[in-house]
Amino acid sequence: MSMVTLSPGLGTTTGGFHSRISGIAGYRPERVVTNDEVCEQIDSTDEWIRERTGIRTRHRAAPDESVVDMSEVVARRAIDHAGLTPSDIDVVLLATVTHPYQTPAAAPEVAHRLGLTCMAIDISAACAGYCHGIGLASDMVRAGSAVNVLVIGVEKLSDFTDPTDRTIAFIFGDGAGAAVVSRSETPQISPTVWGSAGDQHRVISQDDSWVDVRHNPDIVFPTIKMQGQTVFRWAVWSVAKHAQETLDRAGITAGDLDVFVPHQANLRIVDSMVKTLGIPDHVTVARDIVTTGNTSAASIPLAMSRMLEEGEIASGDLALQIGFGAGLAYAGQVVVVP
């Protein structure tokens, strides 16, 4: 376990450190599902799905492949990319809304598989969960309560999606992404801009509560529902403003960026945010929605890790990342690519 420096008063840490993302990784399940396969159960077409969302394919986890399984794989990859070992990790933060147990959380089981007994908790902020995790991890490192924090974004949305619901069946994919946030000699993670719009909590939500399931035999299993047009308008106008606020807090402009990695919700949303923010042509923009679908909390680390692996971006690049989704919740920061 990493050591921290203690000050004389009450054993508190000295604080005042800087933070960075030291490693990042992604995991996509092996099975690829095309739009044509999705349309076998809904009244739609490949052309319509691509036109409305940009999605061509998405990945599906195996029936016996769990959120914890995917998390373990991607965690080991991120830790290795950071040049660390699991014993160097002080905290595990796991962002997900598809762990199928009300309790216990998935994070302690992931920590156990890594041989850890450290603090390990889940974050329930849907598509904004990963960026919430990065913000929390950065604050913990900067305050001195941790040296290395593992942040995981993972979803098995296929378990909570009705394959016959033509309004949403084609949107989601499964996958996992992870990053390690570590102490740094220089500031490499900006202040996080985050917030919520709870008055719109029903815009993206589980259709029935677990209590409803218990008392109503006609409810087979709750699934996720979404008011697509409302989400689109919110993302393009409100979230884009929060993305601009993130740039302002970091003291930079869109022209200073090398990379833009928004949550992969919809290709039209991504392109509209690029236009609204005035992202210049030289900035590389993540458009992984085309091949992975919407993977909720996993989408940003999945995209950034792929872009890095394939040489689209480079270590040291300056990136704006922002997640947004159910809650409604959002969180974003400017980071240096590891």
C-alpha atoms as a PDB file:
ATOM      1  CA  MET A   1       0.000   0.000   0.000  1.00  0.00           C
ATOM      2  CA  SER A   2       1.270   3.497  -0.827  1.00  0.00           C
ATOM      3  CA  MET A   3       2.545   5.708   1.978  1.00  0.00           C
ATOM      4  CA  VAL A   4       1.523   9.325   2.584  1.00  0.00           C
ATOM      5  CA  THR A   5       3.340  12.041   4.526  1.00  0.00           C
ATOM      6  CA  LEU A   6       1.799  12.886   7.899  1.00  0.00           C
ATOM      7  CA  SER A   7       1.653  16.323   9.501  1.00  0.00           C
ATOM      8  CA  PRO A   8       1.867  16.808  13.271  1.00  0.00           C
ATOM      9  CA  GLY A   9      -1.843  17.561  13.814  1.00  0.00           C
ATOM     10  CA  LEU A  10      -4.139  14.577  14.424  1.00  0.00           C
ATOM     11  CA  GLY A  11      -2.217  12.450  11.940  1.00  0.00           C
ATOM     12  CA  THR A  12      -3.631  14.398   8.979  1.00  0.00           C
ATOM     13  CA  THR A  13      -1.822  14.432   5.655  1.00  0.00           C
ATOM     14  CA  THR A  14      -0.010  17.499   4.431  1.00  0.00           C
ATOM     15  CA  GLY A  15      -2.016  17.867   1.223  1.00  0.00           C
ATOM     16  CA  GLY A  16      -1.325  20.279  -1.587  1.00  0.00           C
ATOM     17  CA  PHE A  17      -0.208  17.660  -4.094  1.00  0.00           C
ATOM     18  CA  HIS A  18      -0.856  17.600  -7.841  1.00  0.00           C
ATOM     19  CA  SER A  19      -2.646  14.793  -9.711  1.00  0.00           C
ATOM     20  CA  ARG A  20      -2.485  13.101 -13.107  1.00  0.00           C
ATOM     21  CA  ILE A  21      -3.886  10.139 -14.990  1.00  0.00           C
ATOM     22  CA  SER A  22      -0.946   7.726 -14.976  1.00  0.00           C
ATOM     23  CA  GLY A  23      -2.584   4.849 -16.862  1.00  0.00           C
ATOM     24  CA  ILE A  24      -5.706   4.078 -18.873  1.00  0.00           C
ATOM     25  CA  ALA A  25      -7.217   1.002 -20.519  1.00  0.00           C
ATOM     26  CA  GLY A  26     -10.365  -0.345 -22.139  1.00  0.00           C
ATOM     27  CA  TYR A  27     -12.131  -3.661 -22.512  1.00  0.00           C
ATOM     28  CA  ARG A  28     -14.677  -4.563 -25.176  1.00  0.00           C
ATOM     29  CA  PRO A  29     -16.468  -7.922 -24.992  1.00  0.00           C
ATOM     30  CA  GLU A  30     -15.740 -10.250 -27.880  1.00  0.00           C
ATOM     31  CA  ARG A  31     -19.223 -10.458 -29.375  1.00  0.00           C
ATOM     32  CA  VAL A  32     -20.110  -7.733 -31.896  1.00  0.00           C
ATOM     33  CA  VAL A  33     -23.795  -7.055 -32.583  1.00  0.00           C
ATOM     34  CA  THR A  34     -24.817  -5.347 -35.816  1.00  0.00           C
ATOM     35  CA  ASN A  35     -27.837  -3.141 -36.382  1.00  0.00           C
ATOM     36  CA  ASP A  36     -29.337  -5.854 -38.568  1.00  0.00           C
ATOM     37  CA  GLU A  37     -29.228  -8.279 -35.634  1.00  0.00           C
ATOM     38  CA  VAL A  38     -30.860  -5.716 -33.324  1.00  0.00           C
ATOM     39  CA  CYS A  39     -33.585  -5.153 -35.922  1.00  0.00           C
ATOM     40  CA  GLU A  40     -34.566  -8.800 -35.777  1.00  0.00           C
ATOM     41  CA  GLN A  41     -36.528  -7.897 -32.620  1.00  0.00           C
ATOM     42  CA  ILE A  42     -37.641  -4.335 -33.380  1.00  0.00           C
ATOM     43  CA  ASP A  43     -39.352  -2.546 -36.252  1.00  0.00           C
ATOM     44  CA  SER A  44     -36.373  -0.559 -37.516  1.00  0.00           C
ATOM     45  CA  THR A  45     -33.540  -0.643 -40.047  1.00  0.00           C
ATOM     46  CA  ASP A  46     -29.766  -0.332 -40.112  1.00  0.00           C
ATOM     47  CA  GLU A  47     -30.122   2.869 -42.161  1.00  0.00           C
ATOM     48  CA  TRP A  48     -32.534   4.479 -39.679  1.00  0.00           C
ATOM     49  CA  ILE A  49     -30.333   3.651 -36.671  1.00  0.00           C
ATOM     50  CA  ARG A  50     -27.193   5.000 -38.355  1.00  0.00           C
ATOM     51  CA  GLU A  51     -28.999   8.164 -39.436  1.00  0.00           C
ATOM     52  CA  ARG A  52     -30.415   8.907 -35.977  1.00  0.00           C
ATOM     53  CA  THR A  53     -27.486   7.831 -33.761  1.00  0.00           C
ATOM     54  CA  GLY A  54     -24.448   7.062 -35.884  1.00  0.00           C
ATOM     55  CA  ILE A  55     -24.266   3.586 -34.372  1.00  0.00           C
ATOM     56  CA  ARG A  56     -23.282   0.702 -36.660  1.00  0.00           C
ATOM     57  CA  THR A  57     -22.247  -1.953 -34.126  1.00  0.00           C
ATOM     58  CA  ARG A  58     -21.975  -2.492 -30.394  1.00  0.00           C
ATOM     59  CA  HIS A  59     -20.357  -5.125 -28.152  1.00  0.00           C
ATOM     60  CA  ARG A  60     -22.267  -7.567 -25.939  1.00  0.00           C
ATOM     61  CA  ALA A  61     -20.872  -9.302 -22.877  1.00  0.00           C
ATOM     62  CA  ALA A  62     -21.229 -13.061 -22.661  1.00  0.00           C
ATOM     63  CA  PRO A  63     -24.203 -14.271 -20.579  1.00  0.00           C
ATOM     64  CA  ASP A  64     -21.898 -15.374 -17.754  1.00  0.00           C
ATOM     65  CA  GLU A  65     -19.618 -12.303 -18.000  1.00  0.00           C
ATOM     66  CA  SER A  66     -20.343  -9.888 -15.170  1.00  0.00           C
ATOM     67  CA  VAL A  67     -19.614  -6.266 -14.375  1.00  0.00           C
ATOM     68  CA  VAL A  68     -17.038  -7.520 -11.874  1.00  0.00           C
ATOM     69  CA  ASP A  69     -15.398  -9.777 -14.485  1.00  0.00           C
ATOM     70  CA  MET A  70     -14.997  -6.933 -16.963  1.00  0.00           C
ATOM     71  CA  SER A  71     -13.762  -4.605 -14.226  1.00  0.00           C
ATOM     72  CA  GLU A  72     -11.018  -6.971 -13.151  1.00  0.00           C
ATOM     73  CA  VAL A  73      -9.690  -7.314 -16.705  1.00  0.00           C
ATOM     74  CA  VAL A  74      -9.613  -3.587 -17.413  1.00  0.00           C
ATOM     75  CA  ALA A  75      -8.270  -2.723 -13.951  1.00  0.00           C
ATOM     76  CA  ARG A  76      -5.216  -4.923 -14.427  1.00  0.00           C
ATOM     77  CA  ARG A  77      -4.597  -3.365 -17.844  1.00  0.00           C
ATOM     78  CA  ALA A  78      -4.828   0.208 -16.491  1.00  0.00           C
ATOM     79  CA  ILE A  79      -2.573  -0.553 -13.534  1.00  0.00           C
ATOM     80  CA  ASP A  80      -0.029  -2.128 -15.860  1.00  0.00           C
ATOM     81  CA  HIS A  81      -0.175   0.882 -18.209  1.00  0.00           C
ATOM     82  CA  ALA A  82       0.554   3.102 -15.198  1.00  0.00           C
ATOM     83  CA  GLY A  83       3.671   1.059 -14.455  1.00  0.00           C
ATOM     84  CA  LEU A  84       2.262  -0.021 -11.122  1.00  0.00           C
ATOM     85  CA  THR A  85       1.135  -3.221  -9.427  1.00  0.00           C
ATOM     86  CA  PRO A  86      -2.206  -3.784  -7.686  1.00  0.00           C
ATOM     87  CA  SER A  87      -0.504  -3.379  -4.298  1.00  0.00           C
ATOM     88  CA  ASP A  88       0.170   0.276  -5.193  1.00  0.00           C
ATOM     89  CA  ILE A  89      -3.573   1.080  -5.327  1.00  0.00           C
ATOM     90  CA  ASP A  90      -5.025   2.893  -2.299  1.00  0.00           C
ATOM     91  CA  VAL A  91      -8.663   3.277  -3.412  1.00  0.00           C
ATOM     92  CA  VAL A  92     -11.015   1.660  -5.931  1.00  0.00           C
ATOM     93  CA  LEU A  93     -13.855   3.804  -7.308  1.00  0.00           C
ATOM     94  CA  LEU A  94     -16.205   1.908  -9.622  1.00  0.00           C
ATOM     95  CA  ALA A  95     -18.810   3.760 -11.682  1.00  0.00           C
ATOM     96  CA  THR A  96     -21.751   1.652 -12.850  1.00  0.00           C
ATOM     97  CA  VAL A  97     -25.546   1.442 -12.858  1.00  0.00           C
ATOM     98  CA  THR A  98     -25.738  -2.165 -14.043  1.00  0.00           C
ATOM     99  CA  HIS A  99     -24.274  -4.165 -11.157  1.00  0.00           C
ATOM    100  CA  PRO A 100     -27.292  -6.434 -10.560  1.00  0.00           C
ATOM    101  CA  TYR A 101     -27.161  -6.310  -6.763  1.00  0.00           C
ATOM    102  CA  GLN A 102     -28.600  -3.551  -4.609  1.00  0.00           C
ATOM    103  CA  THR A 103     -25.846  -4.453  -2.160  1.00  0.00           C
ATOM    104  CA  PRO A 104     -22.992  -5.177  -1.770  1.00  0.00           C
ATOM    105  CA  ALA A 105     -21.242  -2.892  -4.236  1.00  0.00           C
ATOM    106  CA  ALA A 106     -19.121  -4.288  -7.056  1.00  0.00           C
ATOM    107  CA  ALA A 107     -15.973  -2.372  -6.069  1.00  0.00           C
ATOM    108  CA  PRO A 108     -15.062  -4.419  -2.952  1.00  0.00           C
ATOM    109  CA  GLU A 109     -15.245  -7.637  -4.975  1.00  0.00           C
ATOM    110  CA  VAL A 110     -13.033  -6.130  -7.671  1.00  0.00           C
ATOM    111  CA  ALA A 111     -10.572  -4.989  -4.992  1.00  0.00           C
ATOM    112  CA  HIS A 112     -10.549  -8.506  -3.531  1.00  0.00           C
ATOM    113  CA  ARG A 113      -9.769 -10.031  -6.919  1.00  0.00           C
ATOM    114  CA  LEU A 114      -6.826  -7.632  -7.159  1.00  0.00           C
ATOM    115  CA  GLY A 115      -5.615  -8.771  -3.728  1.00  0.00           C
ATOM    116  CA  LEU A 116      -6.616  -5.510  -2.029  1.00  0.00           C
ATOM    117  CA  THR A 117      -8.461  -4.623   1.176  1.00  0.00           C
ATOM    118  CA  CYS A 118      -8.472  -0.872   0.496  1.00  0.00           C
ATOM    119  CA  MET A 119     -11.434   1.518   0.392  1.00  0.00           C
ATOM    120  CA  ALA A 120     -13.659   0.400  -2.484  1.00  0.00           C
ATOM    121  CA  ILE A 121     -17.034   1.934  -3.361  1.00  0.00           C
ATOM    122  CA  ASP A 122     -19.429   2.209  -6.287  1.00  0.00           C
ATOM    123  CA  ILE A 123     -20.515   5.494  -7.895  1.00  0.00           C
ATOM    124  CA  SER A 124     -24.032   5.680  -9.314  1.00  0.00           C
ATOM    125  CA  ALA A 125     -24.008   8.575 -11.770  1.00  0.00           C
ATOM    126  CA  ALA A 126     -24.769   6.662 -14.978  1.00  0.00           C
ATOM    127  CA  CYS A 127     -22.990   8.075 -18.042  1.00  0.00           C
ATOM    128  CA  ALA A 128     -21.313  10.781 -15.930  1.00  0.00           C
ATOM    129  CA  GLY A 129     -19.957   8.263 -13.416  1.00  0.00           C
ATOM    130  CA  TYR A 130     -16.422   7.939 -14.781  1.00  0.00           C
ATOM    131  CA  CYS A 131     -15.789  11.688 -14.792  1.00  0.00           C
ATOM    132  CA  HIS A 132     -17.214  11.892 -11.271  1.00  0.00           C
ATOM    133  CA  GLY A 133     -14.718   9.192 -10.335  1.00  0.00           C
ATOM    134  CA  ILE A 134     -11.813  11.096 -11.895  1.00  0.00           C
ATOM    135  CA  GLY A 135     -12.857  14.238 -10.017  1.00  0.00           C
ATOM    136  CA  LEU A 136     -13.115  12.419  -6.688  1.00  0.00           C
ATOM    137  CA  ALA A 137      -9.847  10.570  -7.263  1.00  0.00           C
ATOM    138  CA  SER A 138      -8.026  13.786  -8.156  1.00  0.00           C
ATOM    139  CA  ASP A 139      -9.308  15.478  -5.004  1.00  0.00           C
ATOM    140  CA  MET A 140      -8.224  12.517  -2.856  1.00  0.00           C
ATOM    141  CA  VAL A 141      -4.743  12.518  -4.356  1.00  0.00           C
ATOM    142  CA  ARG A 142      -4.388  16.292  -4.082  1.00  0.00           C
ATOM    143  CA  ALA A 143      -5.570  16.284  -0.467  1.00  0.00           C
ATOM    144  CA  GLY A 144      -3.085  13.545   0.384  1.00  0.00           C
ATOM    145  CA  SER A 145      -5.513  10.822   1.433  1.00  0.00           C
ATOM    146  CA  ALA A 146      -4.343   8.586  -1.441  1.00  0.00           C
ATOM    147  CA  VAL A 147      -1.399   8.290  -3.802  1.00  0.00           C
ATOM    148  CA  ASN A 148      -2.918   6.044  -6.491  1.00  0.00           C
ATOM    149  CA  VAL A 149      -6.662   5.706  -7.099  1.00  0.00           C
ATOM    150  CA  LEU A 150      -8.156   3.191  -9.531  1.00  0.00           C
ATOM    151  CA  VAL A 151     -11.227   4.569 -11.342  1.00  0.00           C
ATOM    152  CA  ILE A 152     -13.369   2.102 -13.302  1.00  0.00           C
ATOM    153  CA  GLY A 153     -16.335   2.788 -15.573  1.00  0.00           C
ATOM    154  CA  VAL A 154     -18.176  -0.412 -16.462  1.00  0.00           C
ATOM    155  CA  GLU A 155     -21.602  -1.382 -17.763  1.00  0.00           C
ATOM    156  CA  LYS A 156     -23.456  -4.486 -18.823  1.00  0.00           C
ATOM    157  CA  LEU A 157     -26.427  -2.606 -20.214  1.00  0.00           C
ATOM    158  CA  SER A 158     -27.674  -5.635 -22.126  1.00  0.00           C
ATOM    159  CA  ASP A 159     -29.006  -6.945 -18.794  1.00  0.00           C
ATOM    160  CA  PHE A 160     -31.202  -3.866 -18.333  1.00  0.00           C
ATOM    161  CA  THR A 161     -32.384  -3.182 -21.870  1.00  0.00           C
ATOM    162  CA  ASP A 162     -35.587  -4.526 -23.391  1.00  0.00           C
ATOM    163  CA  PRO A 163     -34.490  -5.940 -26.785  1.00  0.00           C
ATOM    164  CA  THR A 164     -38.017  -5.412 -28.138  1.00  0.00           C
ATOM    165  CA  ASP A 165     -38.233  -1.705 -27.211  1.00  0.00           C
ATOM    166  CA  ARG A 166     -37.616   0.107 -30.516  1.00  0.00           C
ATOM    167  CA  THR A 167     -36.937   3.412 -28.735  1.00  0.00           C
ATOM    168  CA  ILE A 168     -33.806   2.210 -26.962  1.00  0.00           C
ATOM    169  CA  ALA A 169     -32.839  -1.373 -27.876  1.00  0.00           C
ATOM    170  CA  PHE A 170     -30.288  -0.239 -30.472  1.00  0.00           C
ATOM    171  CA  ILE A 171     -28.507   2.358 -28.321  1.00  0.00           C
ATOM    172  CA  PHE A 172     -26.541   0.546 -25.650  1.00  0.00           C
ATOM    173  CA  GLY A 173     -23.393  -1.557 -25.641  1.00  0.00           C
ATOM    174  CA  ASP A 174     -21.396  -3.364 -22.955  1.00  0.00           C
ATOM    175  CA  GLY A 175     -17.810  -2.682 -21.938  1.00  0.00           C
ATOM    176  CA  ALA A 176     -15.380  -1.331 -19.364  1.00  0.00           C
ATOM    177  CA  GLY A 177     -12.730   1.355 -19.092  1.00  0.00           C
ATOM    178  CA  ALA A 178     -10.377   2.259 -16.273  1.00  0.00           C
ATOM    179  CA  ALA A 179      -7.782   4.832 -15.301  1.00  0.00           C
ATOM    180  CA  VAL A 180      -5.301   5.261 -12.470  1.00  0.00           C
ATOM    181  CA  VAL A 181      -5.100   8.718 -10.919  1.00  0.00           C
ATOM    182  CA  SER A 182      -1.747   9.291  -9.228  1.00  0.00           C
ATOM    183  CA  ARG A 183       0.299  11.932  -7.462  1.00  0.00           C
ATOM    184  CA  SER A 184       2.133  14.207  -9.884  1.00  0.00           C
ATOM    185  CA  GLU A 185       4.933  16.770  -9.916  1.00  0.00           C
ATOM    186  CA  THR A 186       2.788  19.091 -12.040  1.00  0.00           C
ATOM    187  CA  PRO A 187      -1.004  19.689 -12.289  1.00  0.00           C
ATOM    188  CA  GLN A 188      -2.413  17.431 -15.032  1.00  0.00           C
ATOM    189  CA  ILE A 189      -6.095  17.272 -14.050  1.00  0.00           C
ATOM    190  CA  SER A 190      -8.121  20.467 -13.933  1.00  0.00           C
ATOM    191  CA  PRO A 191     -10.827  21.276 -11.376  1.00  0.00           C
ATOM    192  CA  THR A 192     -13.954  19.231 -12.109  1.00  0.00           C
ATOM    193  CA  VAL A 193     -17.130  20.995 -13.179  1.00  0.00           C
ATOM    194  CA  TRP A 194     -20.058  18.868 -12.056  1.00  0.00           C
ATOM    195  CA  GLY A 195     -23.708  19.152 -11.160  1.00  0.00           C
ATOM    196  CA  SER A 196     -27.201  17.777 -11.614  1.00  0.00           C
ATOM    197  CA  ALA A 197     -30.701  18.566 -12.845  1.00  0.00           C
ATOM    198  CA  GLY A 198     -32.796  16.358 -10.609  1.00  0.00           C
ATOM    199  CA  ASP A 199     -36.034  17.900 -11.783  1.00  0.00           C
ATOM    200  CA  GLN A 200     -35.521  15.847 -14.948  1.00  0.00           C
ATOM    201  CA  HIS A 201     -34.774  12.570 -13.192  1.00  0.00           C
ATOM    202  CA  ARG A 202     -37.412  10.687 -15.195  1.00  0.00           C
ATOM    203  CA  VAL A 203     -35.895  11.596 -18.570  1.00  0.00           C
ATOM    204  CA  ILE A 204     -33.536   8.605 -18.330  1.00  0.00           C
ATOM    205  CA  SER A 205     -34.560   6.098 -15.721  1.00  0.00           C
ATOM    206  CA  GLN A 206     -35.404   2.556 -14.736  1.00  0.00           C
ATOM    207  CA  ASP A 207     -39.082   2.148 -15.523  1.00  0.00           C
ATOM    208  CA  ASP A 208     -40.084   0.334 -12.305  1.00  0.00           C
ATOM    209  CA  SER A 209     -38.581   0.202  -8.825  1.00  0.00           C
ATOM    210  CA  TRP A 210     -37.486  -3.045  -7.201  1.00  0.00           C
ATOM    211  CA  VAL A 211     -40.344  -2.567  -4.697  1.00  0.00           C
ATOM    212  CA  ASP A 212     -42.773  -2.467  -7.641  1.00  0.00           C
ATOM    213  CA  VAL A 213     -41.307  -5.729  -8.897  1.00  0.00           C
ATOM    214  CA  ARG A 214     -41.765  -7.343  -5.516  1.00  0.00           C
ATOM    215  CA  HIS A 215     -45.411  -6.371  -5.211  1.00  0.00           C
ATOM    216  CA  ASN A 216     -46.578  -6.555  -8.830  1.00  0.00           C
ATOM    217  CA  PRO A 217     -46.407 -10.004 -10.457  1.00  0.00           C
ATOM    218  CA  ASP A 218     -47.049  -8.450 -13.893  1.00  0.00           C
ATOM    219  CA  ILE A 219     -43.634  -6.720 -13.869  1.00  0.00           C
ATOM    220  CA  VAL A 220     -41.081  -9.199 -15.149  1.00  0.00           C
ATOM    221  CA  PHE A 221     -37.917  -7.093 -14.817  1.00  0.00           C
ATOM    222  CA  PRO A 222     -37.215  -3.326 -14.781  1.00  0.00           C
ATOM    223  CA  THR A 223     -35.470  -1.885 -17.837  1.00  0.00           C
ATOM    224  CA  ILE A 224     -34.048   1.503 -18.789  1.00  0.00           C
ATOM    225  CA  LYS A 225     -36.254   4.023 -20.584  1.00  0.00           C
ATOM    226  CA  MET A 226     -35.212   7.313 -22.168  1.00  0.00           C
ATOM    227  CA  GLN A 227     -36.869  10.398 -23.616  1.00  0.00           C
ATOM    228  CA  GLY A 228     -34.451  10.789 -26.491  1.00  0.00           C
ATOM    229  CA  GLN A 229     -35.360  14.230 -27.787  1.00  0.00           C
ATOM    230  CA  THR A 230     -35.274  15.779 -24.310  1.00  0.00           C
ATOM    231  CA  VAL A 231     -31.866  14.264 -23.652  1.00  0.00           C
ATOM    232  CA  PHE A 232     -30.611  15.494 -27.029  1.00  0.00           C
ATOM    233  CA  ARG A 233     -31.636  19.090 -26.342  1.00  0.00           C
ATOM    234  CA  TRP A 234     -30.185  19.028 -22.817  1.00  0.00           C
ATOM    235  CA  ALA A 235     -26.852  17.614 -24.002  1.00  0.00           C
ATOM    236  CA  VAL A 236     -26.442  19.996 -26.918  1.00  0.00           C
ATOM    237  CA  TRP A 237     -27.324  23.179 -25.038  1.00  0.00           C
ATOM    238  CA  SER A 238     -26.880  22.720 -21.284  1.00  0.00           C
ATOM    239  CA  VAL A 239     -24.003  20.226 -21.273  1.00  0.00           C
ATOM    240  CA  ALA A 240     -22.137  22.173 -23.932  1.00  0.00           C
ATOM    241  CA  LYS A 241     -22.273  25.197 -21.623  1.00  0.00           C
ATOM    242  CA  HIS A 242     -20.836  23.106 -18.795  1.00  0.00           C
ATOM    243  CA  ALA A 243     -18.102  21.907 -21.146  1.00  0.00           C
ATOM    244  CA  GLN A 244     -17.233  25.542 -21.868  1.00  0.00           C
ATOM    245  CA  GLU A 245     -17.240  26.207 -18.125  1.00  0.00           C
ATOM    246  CA  THR A 246     -14.767  23.333 -17.737  1.00  0.00           C
ATOM    247  CA  LEU A 247     -12.430  24.961 -20.248  1.00  0.00           C
ATOM    248  CA  ASP A 248     -12.790  28.286 -18.422  1.00  0.00           C
ATOM    249  CA  ARG A 249     -11.982  26.687 -15.053  1.00  0.00           C
ATOM    250  CA  ALA A 250      -8.876  25.140 -16.596  1.00  0.00           C
ATOM    251  CA  GLY A 251      -7.833  28.538 -17.960  1.00  0.00           C
ATOM    252  CA  ILE A 252      -7.708  27.427 -21.583  1.00  0.00           C
ATOM    253  CA  THR A 253      -9.704  27.778 -24.791  1.00  0.00           C
ATOM    254  CA  ALA A 254     -10.985  25.180 -27.234  1.00  0.00           C
ATOM    255  CA  GLY A 255      -8.057  26.087 -29.484  1.00  0.00           C
ATOM    256  CA  ASP A 256      -5.592  24.921 -26.812  1.00  0.00           C
ATOM    257  CA  LEU A 257      -6.988  21.388 -26.895  1.00  0.00           C
ATOM    258  CA  ASP A 258      -5.547  18.397 -28.700  1.00  0.00           C
ATOM    259  CA  VAL A 259      -8.398  16.009 -27.910  1.00  0.00           C
ATOM    260  CA  PHE A 260     -12.130  16.144 -27.153  1.00  0.00           C
ATOM    261  CA  VAL A 261     -13.691  13.061 -25.546  1.00  0.00           C
ATOM    262  CA  PRO A 262     -17.367  13.620 -24.747  1.00  0.00           C
ATOM    263  CA  HIS A 263     -19.588  10.804 -23.499  1.00  0.00           C
ATOM    264  CA  GLN A 264     -20.512   8.666 -26.491  1.00  0.00           C
ATOM    265  CA  ALA A 265     -24.283   9.036 -26.359  1.00  0.00           C
ATOM    266  CA  ASN A 266     -25.134   9.824 -29.963  1.00  0.00           C
ATOM    267  CA  LEU A 267     -23.038  10.903 -32.957  1.00  0.00           C
ATOM    268  CA  ARG A 268     -25.309  13.871 -33.645  1.00  0.00           C
ATOM    269  CA  ILE A 269     -24.839  15.042 -30.036  1.00  0.00           C
ATOM    270  CA  VAL A 270     -21.056  14.769 -30.386  1.00  0.00           C
ATOM    271  CA  ASP A 271     -21.043  16.734 -33.641  1.00  0.00           C
ATOM    272  CA  SER A 272     -23.417  19.363 -32.271  1.00  0.00           C
ATOM    273  CA  MET A 273     -21.252  19.868 -29.170  1.00  0.00           C
ATOM    274  CA  VAL A 274     -18.187  20.278 -31.377  1.00  0.00           C
ATOM    275  CA  LYS A 275     -19.993  23.019 -33.299  1.00  0.00           C
ATOM    276  CA  THR A 276     -21.405  24.734 -30.210  1.00  0.00           C
ATOM    277  CA  LEU A 277     -18.023  24.776 -28.451  1.00  0.00           C
ATOM    278  CA  GLY A 278     -16.191  25.903 -31.559  1.00  0.00           C
ATOM    279  CA  ILE A 279     -13.771  22.955 -31.440  1.00  0.00           C
ATOM    280  CA  PRO A 280     -11.106  23.620 -34.136  1.00  0.00           C
ATOM    281  CA  ASP A 281     -10.342  21.112 -36.887  1.00  0.00           C
ATOM    282  CA  HIS A 282      -6.934  20.262 -35.420  1.00  0.00           C
ATOM    283  CA  VAL A 283      -8.580  18.754 -32.316  1.00  0.00           C
ATOM    284  CA  THR A 284      -9.088  14.993 -32.469  1.00  0.00           C
ATOM    285  CA  VAL A 285     -12.678  14.135 -31.506  1.00  0.00           C
ATOM    286  CA  ALA A 286     -13.806  10.764 -30.129  1.00  0.00           C
ATOM    287  CA  ARG A 287     -16.576   9.198 -32.197  1.00  0.00           C
ATOM    288  CA  ASP A 288     -16.450   5.660 -30.807  1.00  0.00           C
ATOM    289  CA  ILE A 289     -20.254   5.633 -30.608  1.00  0.00           C
ATOM    290  CA  VAL A 290     -20.149   4.263 -34.172  1.00  0.00           C
ATOM    291  CA  THR A 291     -18.590   0.927 -33.171  1.00  0.00           C
ATOM    292  CA  THR A 292     -19.335   0.608 -29.441  1.00  0.00           C
ATOM    293  CA  GLY A 293     -22.769   2.152 -28.979  1.00  0.00           C
ATOM    294  CA  ASN A 294     -23.528   3.998 -25.758  1.00  0.00           C
ATOM    295  CA  THR A 295     -21.596   2.246 -22.973  1.00  0.00           C
ATOM    296  CA  SER A 296     -22.601   4.749 -20.281  1.00  0.00           C
ATOM    297  CA  ALA A 297     -19.892   5.040 -17.577  1.00  0.00           C
ATOM    298  CA  ALA A 298     -17.396   3.134 -19.731  1.00  0.00           C
ATOM    299  CA  SER A 299     -17.581   5.296 -22.846  1.00  0.00           C
ATOM    300  CA  ILE A 300     -14.929   7.958 -22.112  1.00  0.00           C
ATOM    301  CA  PRO A 301     -12.080   5.697 -20.945  1.00  0.00           C
ATOM    302  CA  LEU A 302     -12.940   3.212 -23.702  1.00  0.00           C
ATOM    303  CA  ALA A 303     -12.619   5.942 -26.315  1.00  0.00           C
ATOM    304  CA  MET A 304      -9.502   7.586 -24.904  1.00  0.00           C
ATOM    305  CA  SER A 305      -7.645   4.291 -24.454  1.00  0.00           C
ATOM    306  CA  ARG A 306      -8.469   3.178 -28.015  1.00  0.00           C
ATOM    307  CA  MET A 307      -7.387   6.507 -29.481  1.00  0.00           C
ATOM    308  CA  LEU A 308      -4.108   6.249 -27.596  1.00  0.00           C
ATOM    309  CA  GLU A 309      -3.498   2.630 -28.602  1.00  0.00           C
ATOM    310  CA  GLU A 310      -4.189   3.337 -32.273  1.00  0.00           C
ATOM    311  CA  GLY A 311      -2.041   6.457 -32.407  1.00  0.00           C
ATOM    312  CA  GLU A 312      -4.849   8.957 -32.971  1.00  0.00           C
ATOM    313  CA  ILE A 313      -3.658  10.841 -29.880  1.00  0.00           C
ATOM    314  CA  ALA A 314      -0.404  10.865 -27.932  1.00  0.00           C
ATOM    315  CA  SER A 315       0.755  10.881 -24.345  1.00  0.00           C
ATOM    316  CA  GLY A 316       0.977  14.478 -23.187  1.00  0.00           C
ATOM    317  CA  ASP A 317      -1.924  15.708 -25.317  1.00  0.00           C
ATOM    318  CA  LEU A 318      -4.429  18.027 -23.646  1.00  0.00           C
ATOM    319  CA  ALA A 319      -7.944  16.587 -23.557  1.00  0.00           C
ATOM    320  CA  LEU A 320     -11.383  17.817 -22.548  1.00  0.00           C
ATOM    321  CA  GLN A 321     -13.615  15.017 -21.275  1.00  0.00           C
ATOM    322  CA  ILE A 322     -17.207  15.358 -20.119  1.00  0.00           C
ATOM    323  CA  GLY A 323     -19.811  12.783 -19.136  1.00  0.00           C
ATOM    324  CA  PHE A 324     -23.560  13.373 -18.951  1.00  0.00           C
ATOM    325  CA  GLY A 325     -26.639  11.237 -18.470  1.00  0.00           C
ATOM    326  CA  ALA A 326     -29.264   9.900 -16.086  1.00  0.00           C
ATOM    327  CA  GLY A 327     -29.860  11.954 -12.993  1.00  0.00           C
ATOM    328  CA  LEU A 328     -29.643  14.168 -14.926  1.00  0.00           C
ATOM    329  CA  ALA A 329     -25.961  14.421 -14.003  1.00  0.00           C
ATOM    330  CA  TYR A 330     -22.819  15.779 -15.613  1.00  0.00           C
ATOM    331  CA  ALA A 331     -19.113  16.046 -14.790  1.00  0.00           C
ATOM    332  CA  GLY A 332     -16.074  17.083 -16.785  1.00  0.00           C
ATOM    333  CA  GLN A 333     -12.421  18.047 -16.545  1.00  0.00           C
ATOM    334  CA  VAL A 334      -9.411  18.856 -18.698  1.00  0.00           C
ATOM    335  CA  VAL A 335      -6.717  16.183 -18.402  1.00  0.00           C
ATOM    336  CA  VAL A 336      -3.306  15.394 -19.832  1.00  0.00           C
ATOM    337  CA  VAL A 337      -3.397  12.110 -21.770  1.00  0.00           C
ATOM    338  CA  PRO A 338      -1.225   9.533 -19.946  1.00  0.00           C
END
